[in-house]
Amino acid sequence: MKGPLLVLSAVSLSLSAILTPVSASATIPNSVNGQEMPSLAPMLAKVTPAVVTVSVEGKKTSNAQSIPEQFRYFFGPDIPVQSLPERQFKGLGSGVIIDAKNGYIVTNYHVINDADKIQVTLSDKREFNATLIGGDKLSDIALIKLDKKISGLTQATLADSDHLRVGDFAVAIGNPFGLGQTVTSGIISALGRSGLNIENFENFIQTDAAINTGNSGGALVNLNGELVGINTAILGPNGGNVGIGFAIPSNMVKNLTEQIIEFGEVKRGILGVQGGEITPDLAEAMGYSSSKGAFVSQVMPDSAAEKAGLKAGDVITSINGKEIATFGELRAKIATIGAGKEVELGLLRDGKAITADVTLGEMQQLQASAEELHPGLEGAQFSNTNSSDAISGIKITDVAKGSPAESYQLKQDDIIIGVNRTRVKNLAQMKKVLEHKTNILALNIQRGDRTIYLVVK
């Protein structure tokens, strides 16, 4: 509690030092020469009631793995209890009502993670309890629902985030530092940001609208008051605003929340390719005139991509007619579209533009098959490494507490590069090795800058 109180005190002192009375006779004109002054107020009056404050309480186990200091989530104050193996915490974040009839509110997964109690405060100061419906840690989206029917709620209208352009005006709405609902404005600074190691599936909107601690889960809207993104993270040396903030695009939010509502979880789609970005050298070698797109270096056996006829050397240029700029964008969009969905991919092959219809597989199927083949892997979740990783292999994205995988000392962010003296570069190769059932697995693992062996029985 000491830290947050000191910060708030400093803010209060600074404000009191610079605020001076304004003469009662001083007025701000509403119009000049008969023309009304431009203002965001009419738009904000419609959309701000859809943005809420999310307060949480709970217990969490200390985690030695921390987010790099320069990429801090702007979660509100928490209160550690150092003497306990589990620490009590309280936190503040933001949320956006996306379904007024059913009381659905979208926020960030890291806002409600480990929360035992979730409370929502509306813009009119009414407070209600809420329940977690489901969430997705890897894309940092969660859906909560008000515990009782509330009349008069306002819901945000979702825009098509694929139509955003760099330079479009944007407005961020949230609850920074617990001060209450706050509005800031700016522009869309960049699109398709990835490789920041904030989340596993990254396709961020970057904005210079001022966002700070407590804005997590809040709204990024366009000048029509439509939701274009959910504010998620900031880039700054001290966790404060320096004009670089990131939001999850509304199309990703829509895909994920629809899956959570239907299934209670995210059924992640998988294409089954490995690849990377289009570099100038690669573009020149392939006779490709653009740096946009996702280069396919390998197609996994029995994958959705192989069944659809994709080949190594293809460049994926679009999904359902909408251009993609990077391999990271491809990965994030495919993962959040959902398993079993059909997509049309635009490809460049041997200098010719073609299309391929693909029915996406389910990522969980690969994870489950590995666990079934060896019970010692149960509780670990895997994904193929991507182009931002230093080495190819199978990354452990999560290890469940108390699981067999944890007991064998497997850790999140470990990269499995070998199984029983066989080099493995992806889940398909690992699955093939595990088909030869054995009582003991010798896993060659890259952990940070060290290579270790773990024996799983």
Protein backbone atom coordinates (compact mmCIF):
# COMPACT_ATOMS: atom_id res chain seq x y z
CA MET A 1 0.00 0.00 0.00
CA LYS A 2 2.91 2.34 0.71
CA GLY A 3 4.04 2.63 -2.91
CA PRO A 4 0.65 3.50 -4.49
CA LEU A 5 -0.15 5.97 -1.70
CA LEU A 6 3.14 7.78 -2.25
CA VAL A 7 2.43 8.03 -5.96
CA LEU A 8 -1.04 9.41 -5.41
CA SER A 9 0.26 11.88 -2.81
CA ALA A 10 2.85 13.13 -5.26
CA VAL A 11 0.15 13.59 -7.87
CA SER A 12 -2.04 15.51 -5.41
CA LEU A 13 0.81 17.81 -4.39
CA SER A 14 1.74 18.49 -7.99
CA LEU A 15 -1.84 19.31 -8.91
CA SER A 16 -2.35 21.61 -5.93
CA ALA A 17 0.87 23.41 -6.79
CA ILE A 18 -0.11 24.22 -10.36
CA LEU A 19 -3.87 24.76 -10.11
CA THR A 20 -4.88 28.42 -9.81
CA PRO A 21 -8.36 29.97 -9.55
CA VAL A 22 -10.01 31.12 -12.78
CA SER A 23 -11.86 34.40 -12.85
CA ALA A 24 -15.61 34.00 -12.83
CA SER A 25 -15.80 36.33 -15.82
CA ALA A 26 -13.54 34.12 -17.95
CA THR A 27 -15.60 32.04 -20.39
CA ILE A 28 -14.80 29.70 -23.24
CA PRO A 29 -16.85 30.43 -26.37
CA ASN A 30 -19.03 27.64 -27.79
CA SER A 31 -18.92 29.15 -31.25
CA VAL A 32 -16.87 31.56 -33.32
CA ASN A 33 -18.47 33.68 -36.05
CA GLY A 34 -21.63 31.62 -35.71
CA GLN A 35 -19.85 28.30 -36.22
CA GLU A 36 -19.81 25.74 -33.42
CA MET A 37 -16.36 24.90 -32.05
CA PRO A 38 -15.26 21.32 -32.77
CA SER A 39 -15.60 19.04 -29.75
CA LEU A 40 -15.46 15.34 -28.89
CA ALA A 41 -18.06 15.87 -26.15
CA PRO A 42 -21.15 14.73 -28.13
CA MET A 43 -19.44 11.48 -29.18
CA LEU A 44 -18.08 10.83 -25.69
CA ALA A 45 -21.50 11.35 -24.11
CA LYS A 46 -22.67 8.30 -26.08
CA VAL A 47 -19.70 5.95 -25.54
CA THR A 48 -18.30 6.71 -22.05
CA PRO A 49 -21.20 4.98 -20.23
CA ALA A 50 -20.00 1.73 -21.87
CA VAL A 51 -16.59 1.96 -20.16
CA VAL A 52 -16.44 0.69 -16.58
CA THR A 53 -13.97 0.32 -13.73
CA VAL A 54 -13.04 -3.25 -12.77
CA SER A 55 -11.89 -3.85 -9.18
CA VAL A 56 -10.47 -7.22 -8.17
CA GLU A 57 -9.31 -9.02 -5.04
CA GLY A 58 -7.64 -12.38 -4.70
CA LYS A 59 -4.56 -14.43 -3.91
CA LYS A 60 -1.72 -15.36 -6.20
CA THR A 61 1.45 -17.37 -5.91
CA SER A 62 4.65 -15.42 -6.39
CA ASN A 63 6.07 -15.93 -9.86
CA ALA A 64 9.78 -15.45 -10.43
CA GLN A 65 9.13 -14.92 -14.14
CA SER A 66 8.52 -11.20 -14.67
CA ILE A 67 7.65 -9.08 -17.66
CA PRO A 68 10.60 -7.02 -18.93
CA GLU A 69 10.62 -3.67 -17.18
CA GLN A 70 10.20 -1.65 -20.37
CA PHE A 71 7.00 -3.55 -21.25
CA ARG A 72 4.86 -3.14 -18.16
CA TYR A 73 1.18 -3.83 -18.05
CA PHE A 74 -0.61 -0.91 -16.54
CA PHE A 75 -2.43 -2.89 -13.89
CA GLY A 76 -3.48 -0.99 -10.78
CA PRO A 77 -1.91 -1.20 -7.30
CA ASP A 78 -1.56 -4.56 -5.64
CA ILE A 79 -0.85 -5.26 -1.98
CA PRO A 80 1.66 -8.08 -1.39
CA VAL A 81 1.81 -10.01 1.84
CA GLN A 82 5.46 -10.99 1.92
CA SER A 83 5.22 -13.46 4.80
CA LEU A 84 2.77 -15.79 3.03
CA PRO A 85 3.45 -18.29 0.22
CA GLU A 86 0.35 -16.83 -1.46
CA ARG A 87 0.03 -13.07 -1.50
CA GLN A 88 -3.15 -11.08 -1.19
CA PHE A 89 -3.71 -8.49 -3.88
CA LYS A 90 -6.16 -5.82 -4.88
CA GLY A 91 -6.18 -4.21 -8.29
CA LEU A 92 -7.95 -1.74 -10.52
CA GLY A 93 -8.44 -1.91 -14.25
CA SER A 94 -11.02 -1.02 -16.84
CA GLY A 95 -13.57 -2.84 -18.97
CA VAL A 96 -15.98 -2.26 -21.85
CA ILE A 97 -19.62 -3.35 -22.02
CA ILE A 98 -20.10 -5.20 -25.32
CA ASP A 99 -23.55 -6.72 -24.63
CA ALA A 100 -25.90 -4.62 -22.50
CA LYS A 101 -28.74 -7.16 -22.57
CA ASN A 102 -26.66 -9.98 -21.09
CA GLY A 103 -24.26 -7.84 -19.06
CA TYR A 104 -21.09 -8.99 -20.86
CA ILE A 105 -17.96 -6.92 -20.28
CA VAL A 106 -14.61 -7.44 -21.98
CA THR A 107 -11.36 -6.66 -20.16
CA ASN A 108 -7.77 -7.90 -20.08
CA TYR A 109 -6.92 -11.36 -18.77
CA HIS A 110 -4.15 -9.93 -16.61
CA VAL A 111 -6.66 -7.65 -14.88
CA ILE A 112 -8.80 -10.51 -13.54
CA ASN A 113 -6.15 -13.26 -13.37
CA ASP A 114 -6.31 -15.08 -9.98
CA ALA A 115 -9.16 -12.83 -8.81
CA ASP A 116 -11.57 -14.29 -6.23
CA LYS A 117 -13.84 -11.25 -6.33
CA ILE A 118 -14.64 -9.00 -9.30
CA GLN A 119 -16.57 -5.77 -8.87
CA VAL A 120 -17.70 -3.45 -11.65
CA THR A 121 -18.32 0.27 -11.18
CA LEU A 122 -20.40 1.93 -13.89
CA SER A 123 -19.82 5.48 -15.08
CA ASP A 124 -22.79 6.60 -12.93
CA LYS A 125 -20.98 5.14 -9.83
CA ARG A 126 -23.31 2.15 -9.37
CA GLU A 127 -21.40 -0.95 -8.25
CA PHE A 128 -22.15 -4.60 -9.09
CA ASN A 129 -20.42 -7.94 -8.67
CA ALA A 130 -19.34 -9.85 -11.75
CA THR A 131 -18.30 -13.40 -12.63
CA LEU A 132 -15.57 -14.57 -15.00
CA ILE A 133 -17.06 -16.35 -18.03
CA GLY A 134 -13.75 -17.24 -19.65
CA GLY A 135 -10.43 -15.84 -20.74
CA ASP A 136 -7.41 -16.34 -22.94
CA LYS A 137 -4.04 -15.70 -21.33
CA LEU A 138 -2.07 -15.85 -24.58
CA SER A 139 -4.02 -13.00 -26.17
CA ASP A 140 -4.82 -11.26 -22.85
CA ILE A 141 -8.59 -11.11 -23.29
CA ALA A 142 -11.21 -12.02 -20.67
CA LEU A 143 -15.00 -11.88 -20.59
CA ILE A 144 -16.89 -11.17 -17.38
CA LYS A 145 -20.63 -10.95 -16.75
CA LEU A 146 -22.62 -8.89 -14.26
CA ASP A 147 -24.25 -11.11 -11.65
CA LYS A 148 -27.66 -9.49 -12.05
CA LYS A 149 -29.72 -7.97 -14.83
CA ILE A 150 -29.18 -4.22 -15.00
CA SER A 151 -31.45 -1.86 -16.92
CA GLY A 152 -30.16 1.14 -18.79
CA LEU A 153 -26.73 -0.23 -19.68
CA THR A 154 -24.89 1.19 -22.68
CA GLN A 155 -22.86 -1.10 -24.92
CA ALA A 156 -20.01 -0.17 -27.23
CA THR A 157 -20.35 -0.69 -30.96
CA LEU A 158 -17.44 -2.66 -32.42
CA ALA A 159 -15.75 -1.24 -35.50
CA ASP A 160 -13.91 -3.24 -38.15
CA SER A 161 -10.32 -2.76 -36.97
CA ASP A 162 -8.98 -3.97 -40.34
CA HIS A 163 -10.09 -0.63 -41.79
CA LEU A 164 -7.85 1.40 -39.45
CA ARG A 165 -5.14 3.56 -40.99
CA VAL A 166 -2.04 5.08 -39.48
CA GLY A 167 -2.98 8.69 -38.76
CA ASP A 168 -6.63 8.04 -37.89
CA PHE A 169 -7.70 9.85 -34.73
CA ALA A 170 -8.20 7.71 -31.63
CA VAL A 171 -9.55 8.28 -28.13
CA ALA A 172 -8.62 6.22 -25.07
CA ILE A 173 -11.09 5.86 -22.21
CA GLY A 174 -10.25 4.22 -18.88
CA ASN A 175 -9.49 4.59 -15.20
CA PRO A 176 -5.82 5.64 -14.83
CA PHE A 177 -4.36 5.49 -11.32
CA GLY A 178 -7.85 4.90 -9.91
CA LEU A 179 -8.71 8.57 -10.43
CA GLY A 180 -11.97 7.78 -12.22
CA GLN A 181 -13.04 7.76 -15.83
CA THR A 182 -10.56 9.71 -17.97
CA VAL A 183 -10.45 10.50 -21.68
CA THR A 184 -7.32 11.18 -23.75
CA SER A 185 -6.90 11.59 -27.47
CA GLY A 186 -4.27 10.98 -30.13
CA ILE A 187 -3.81 9.09 -33.37
CA ILE A 188 -3.16 5.56 -34.57
CA SER A 189 0.64 5.51 -34.62
CA ALA A 190 1.21 2.05 -36.14
CA LEU A 191 -0.61 -1.19 -36.93
CA GLY A 192 0.29 -4.87 -36.66
CA ARG A 193 2.88 -4.44 -33.91
CA SER A 194 4.33 -7.77 -32.74
CA GLY A 195 7.52 -9.20 -31.29
CA LEU A 196 7.18 -7.18 -28.07
CA ASN A 197 7.03 -10.31 -25.88
CA ILE A 198 4.08 -8.89 -23.96
CA GLU A 199 1.70 -11.61 -25.10
CA ASN A 200 1.98 -14.80 -27.11
CA PHE A 201 -0.30 -13.69 -29.94
CA GLU A 202 0.46 -10.07 -30.78
CA ASN A 203 -1.10 -7.89 -33.46
CA PHE A 204 -1.26 -4.61 -31.59
CA ILE A 205 -2.61 -1.23 -32.55
CA GLN A 206 -0.10 1.40 -31.42
CA THR A 207 -1.39 4.80 -30.30
CA ASP A 208 -0.01 7.97 -28.77
CA ALA A 209 -3.24 8.67 -26.85
CA ALA A 210 -2.08 8.96 -23.23
CA ILE A 211 -2.73 5.73 -21.32
CA ASN A 212 -1.39 4.86 -17.90
CA THR A 213 -1.66 2.45 -14.98
CA GLY A 214 -5.30 1.42 -14.60
CA ASN A 215 -6.22 1.83 -18.29
CA SER A 216 -5.87 -1.94 -18.88
CA GLY A 217 -9.06 -3.27 -20.43
CA GLY A 218 -10.32 0.18 -21.35
CA ALA A 219 -11.58 1.35 -24.72
CA LEU A 220 -9.79 2.75 -27.73
CA VAL A 221 -12.45 4.31 -29.96
CA ASN A 222 -12.60 6.18 -33.24
CA LEU A 223 -14.26 9.56 -33.76
CA ASN A 224 -17.61 7.82 -34.31
CA GLY A 225 -17.37 6.40 -30.80
CA GLU A 226 -16.89 2.84 -32.13
CA LEU A 227 -14.59 0.43 -30.33
CA VAL A 228 -11.43 -0.23 -32.35
CA GLY A 229 -9.34 -1.82 -29.59
CA ILE A 230 -8.90 -2.82 -25.94
CA ASN A 231 -6.01 -0.97 -24.29
CA THR A 232 -3.49 -3.50 -23.00
CA ALA A 233 0.07 -2.31 -22.47
CA ILE A 234 2.43 0.64 -22.51
CA LEU A 235 6.05 1.05 -23.47
CA GLY A 236 7.95 3.25 -21.06
CA PRO A 237 11.09 3.19 -18.88
CA ASN A 238 9.14 3.74 -15.66
CA GLY A 239 5.78 2.23 -16.54
CA GLY A 240 4.32 5.67 -17.34
CA ASN A 241 2.97 7.24 -20.50
CA VAL A 242 5.55 8.29 -23.08
CA GLY A 243 3.17 8.32 -26.03
CA ILE A 244 3.50 4.64 -26.93
CA GLY A 245 0.54 2.48 -25.98
CA PHE A 246 -0.84 -0.76 -27.38
CA ALA A 247 -4.36 -2.07 -27.89
CA ILE A 248 -5.80 -5.42 -29.00
CA PRO A 249 -7.75 -4.89 -32.27
CA SER A 250 -11.54 -5.10 -32.03
CA ASN A 251 -11.73 -7.88 -34.64
CA MET A 252 -9.54 -10.10 -32.43
CA VAL A 253 -11.69 -9.16 -29.43
CA LYS A 254 -14.86 -10.08 -31.33
CA ASN A 255 -13.52 -13.48 -32.44
CA LEU A 256 -12.29 -14.39 -28.96
CA THR A 257 -15.37 -13.26 -27.01
CA GLU A 258 -17.71 -15.07 -29.41
CA GLN A 259 -15.78 -18.30 -28.77
CA ILE A 260 -15.83 -17.75 -25.00
CA ILE A 261 -19.59 -17.16 -25.05
CA GLU A 262 -20.21 -20.26 -27.20
CA PHE A 263 -17.71 -22.71 -25.69
CA GLY A 264 -16.64 -21.15 -22.38
CA GLU A 265 -13.08 -21.11 -23.73
CA VAL A 266 -11.04 -20.20 -26.78
CA LYS A 267 -10.72 -22.96 -29.38
CA ARG A 268 -7.55 -21.70 -30.97
CA GLY A 269 -7.12 -22.13 -34.71
CA ILE A 270 -3.91 -23.42 -36.23
CA LEU A 271 -2.73 -23.30 -39.83
CA GLY A 272 0.34 -25.51 -39.51
CA VAL A 273 3.14 -23.48 -41.08
CA GLN A 274 6.46 -22.10 -39.95
CA GLY A 275 7.99 -19.02 -41.45
CA GLY A 276 8.98 -15.43 -40.90
CA GLU A 277 8.92 -11.89 -42.18
CA ILE A 278 9.72 -10.72 -45.71
CA THR A 279 13.17 -9.13 -45.56
CA PRO A 280 14.53 -6.98 -48.40
CA ASP A 281 17.06 -9.68 -49.28
CA LEU A 282 14.36 -12.38 -49.31
CA ALA A 283 12.05 -10.20 -51.41
CA GLU A 284 14.83 -9.58 -53.93
CA ALA A 285 15.74 -13.28 -54.11
CA MET A 286 12.09 -14.22 -54.74
CA GLY A 287 11.38 -11.40 -57.16
CA TYR A 288 8.78 -10.04 -54.75
CA SER A 289 8.21 -6.29 -54.97
CA SER A 290 6.74 -5.77 -51.49
CA SER A 291 7.96 -6.23 -47.91
CA LYS A 292 4.46 -7.12 -46.69
CA GLY A 293 3.26 -10.66 -46.14
CA ALA A 294 4.23 -13.86 -44.32
CA PHE A 295 6.89 -16.12 -45.79
CA VAL A 296 6.24 -19.88 -45.42
CA SER A 297 9.45 -21.81 -44.82
CA GLN A 298 7.85 -25.11 -43.81
CA VAL A 299 4.43 -26.78 -43.97
CA MET A 300 3.70 -29.20 -41.12
CA PRO A 301 2.68 -32.79 -42.01
CA ASP A 302 -1.06 -33.53 -41.78
CA SER A 303 -1.78 -29.86 -41.02
CA ALA A 304 -4.60 -27.69 -42.29
CA ALA A 305 -2.07 -25.92 -44.53
CA GLU A 306 -0.86 -29.17 -46.12
CA LYS A 307 -4.43 -30.34 -46.73
CA ALA A 308 -5.17 -27.01 -48.46
CA GLY A 309 -2.13 -27.34 -50.72
CA LEU A 310 0.16 -24.68 -49.23
CA LYS A 311 3.86 -25.14 -50.03
CA ALA A 312 7.17 -24.00 -48.61
CA GLY A 313 8.17 -20.82 -50.42
CA ASP A 314 4.62 -19.43 -50.56
CA VAL A 315 4.04 -15.88 -49.38
CA ILE A 316 0.70 -15.41 -47.61
CA THR A 317 -0.54 -11.94 -48.47
CA SER A 318 -4.13 -11.83 -47.19
CA ILE A 319 -6.76 -13.50 -45.00
CA ASN A 320 -10.35 -13.36 -46.25
CA GLY A 321 -9.42 -10.60 -48.69
CA LYS A 322 -7.73 -8.39 -46.09
CA GLU A 323 -4.01 -7.80 -46.46
CA ILE A 324 -1.57 -8.90 -43.77
CA ALA A 325 1.76 -7.20 -43.21
CA THR A 326 3.81 -9.66 -41.14
CA PHE A 327 4.09 -13.28 -40.07
CA GLY A 328 3.22 -12.17 -36.53
CA GLU A 329 -0.05 -10.71 -37.78
CA LEU A 330 -0.83 -13.95 -39.64
CA ARG A 331 -0.12 -16.00 -36.51
CA ALA A 332 -2.25 -13.82 -34.24
CA LYS A 333 -5.21 -13.64 -36.61
CA ILE A 334 -5.26 -17.37 -37.39
CA ALA A 335 -5.01 -18.25 -33.69
CA THR A 336 -7.93 -16.02 -32.75
CA ILE A 337 -10.25 -16.76 -35.70
CA GLY A 338 -11.03 -20.13 -34.13
CA ALA A 339 -10.66 -23.83 -34.87
CA GLY A 340 -12.85 -25.27 -37.59
CA LYS A 341 -13.40 -21.92 -39.31
CA GLU A 342 -12.87 -21.67 -43.06
CA VAL A 343 -10.60 -18.91 -44.34
CA GLU A 344 -9.46 -17.83 -47.77
CA LEU A 345 -5.74 -17.15 -47.98
CA GLY A 346 -4.21 -14.97 -50.66
CA LEU A 347 -0.87 -16.42 -51.79
CA LEU A 348 2.01 -15.45 -53.99
CA ARG A 349 3.62 -18.53 -55.54
CA ASP A 350 6.31 -18.36 -58.21
CA GLY A 351 5.35 -14.76 -58.89
CA LYS A 352 1.66 -15.56 -59.42
CA ALA A 353 -1.24 -14.55 -57.14
CA ILE A 354 -3.50 -17.49 -56.17
CA THR A 355 -5.96 -18.29 -53.38
CA ALA A 356 -6.38 -21.29 -51.10
CA ASP A 357 -9.38 -22.24 -48.96
CA VAL A 358 -8.31 -23.61 -45.57
CA THR A 359 -10.28 -25.19 -42.74
CA LEU A 360 -8.29 -24.35 -39.61
CA GLY A 361 -7.22 -27.10 -37.25
CA GLU A 362 -7.35 -26.88 -33.45
CA MET A 363 -4.16 -26.16 -31.55
CA GLN A 364 -5.39 -28.04 -28.48
CA GLN A 365 -5.46 -31.28 -30.46
CA LEU A 366 -1.66 -31.23 -30.78
CA GLN A 367 -1.24 -30.40 -27.09
CA ALA A 368 -3.61 -33.13 -25.98
CA SER A 369 -2.02 -35.79 -28.17
CA ALA A 370 1.40 -35.21 -26.57
CA GLU A 371 -0.06 -35.52 -23.08
CA GLU A 372 -1.84 -38.74 -23.99
CA LEU A 373 1.37 -40.21 -25.37
CA HIS A 374 3.24 -39.48 -22.14
CA PRO A 375 1.50 -38.70 -18.84
CA GLY A 376 4.56 -36.87 -17.52
CA LEU A 377 3.82 -34.00 -19.93
CA GLU A 378 0.32 -33.46 -18.56
CA GLY A 379 -0.27 -29.90 -17.43
CA ALA A 380 2.12 -28.31 -19.93
CA GLN A 381 0.90 -26.36 -22.93
CA PHE A 382 3.00 -26.11 -26.06
CA SER A 383 3.30 -24.02 -29.19
CA ASN A 384 5.78 -23.88 -32.03
CA THR A 385 8.42 -21.19 -31.72
CA ASN A 386 8.13 -18.24 -34.08
CA SER A 387 10.51 -16.04 -35.99
CA SER A 388 11.23 -13.84 -32.96
CA ASP A 389 12.65 -16.80 -31.00
CA ALA A 390 16.38 -17.42 -31.21
CA ILE A 391 15.98 -21.16 -31.80
CA SER A 392 13.41 -23.47 -33.41
CA GLY A 393 11.61 -25.91 -31.18
CA ILE A 394 8.52 -26.39 -29.00
CA LYS A 395 7.93 -23.58 -26.53
CA ILE A 396 6.22 -24.36 -23.23
CA THR A 397 3.63 -21.60 -22.96
CA ASP A 398 2.16 -22.60 -19.60
CA VAL A 399 2.63 -25.16 -16.82
CA ALA A 400 -0.31 -25.89 -14.54
CA LYS A 401 0.35 -25.65 -10.82
CA GLY A 402 0.60 -29.08 -9.18
CA SER A 403 0.69 -30.90 -12.52
CA PRO A 404 3.05 -33.76 -13.47
CA ALA A 405 4.85 -31.35 -15.83
CA GLU A 406 5.60 -29.02 -12.92
CA SER A 407 6.84 -31.92 -10.77
CA TYR A 408 9.38 -32.74 -13.51
CA GLN A 409 10.58 -29.11 -13.36
CA LEU A 410 9.29 -28.03 -16.74
CA LYS A 411 8.93 -24.24 -16.80
CA GLN A 412 7.09 -21.67 -18.85
CA ASP A 413 9.20 -20.36 -21.77
CA ASP A 414 11.37 -23.50 -21.87
CA ILE A 415 12.03 -24.54 -25.48
CA ILE A 416 12.19 -28.30 -26.15
CA ILE A 417 14.80 -28.86 -28.87
CA GLY A 418 15.29 -32.60 -28.53
CA VAL A 419 13.44 -35.74 -27.37
CA ASN A 420 15.36 -38.97 -26.70
CA ARG A 421 18.38 -37.75 -28.68
CA THR A 422 16.20 -36.75 -31.65
CA ARG A 423 16.22 -33.11 -32.72
CA VAL A 424 12.71 -31.66 -32.87
CA LYS A 425 11.83 -28.28 -34.37
CA ASN A 426 8.04 -28.27 -34.09
CA LEU A 427 5.03 -29.99 -32.53
CA ALA A 428 4.51 -32.30 -35.49
CA GLN A 429 8.04 -33.70 -35.15
CA MET A 430 7.61 -34.05 -31.39
CA LYS A 431 4.35 -35.91 -31.92
CA LYS A 432 6.06 -38.29 -34.33
CA VAL A 433 8.81 -39.09 -31.79
CA LEU A 434 6.25 -39.62 -29.03
CA GLU A 435 4.39 -42.17 -31.14
CA HIS A 436 7.12 -44.64 -30.13
CA LYS A 437 5.92 -45.09 -26.57
CA THR A 438 8.58 -45.19 -23.92
CA ASN A 439 8.54 -45.07 -20.14
CA ILE A 440 11.28 -42.45 -19.95
CA LEU A 441 11.68 -39.24 -21.92
CA ALA A 442 14.99 -37.39 -22.08
CA LEU A 443 14.12 -33.82 -22.99
CA ASN A 444 16.82 -31.50 -24.29
CA ILE A 445 15.69 -28.02 -23.28
CA GLN A 446 16.89 -24.51 -24.03
CA ARG A 447 16.27 -22.43 -20.90
CA GLY A 448 17.41 -18.86 -21.38
CA ASP A 449 21.05 -19.03 -22.46
CA ARG A 450 21.55 -22.55 -21.02
CA THR A 451 20.90 -26.01 -22.44
CA ILE A 452 19.72 -28.62 -19.93
CA TYR A 453 18.35 -32.16 -19.87
CA LEU A 454 15.26 -33.21 -17.93
CA VAL A 455 14.20 -36.82 -17.45
CA VAL A 456 10.45 -37.43 -17.48
CA LYS A 457 9.22 -40.84 -16.29
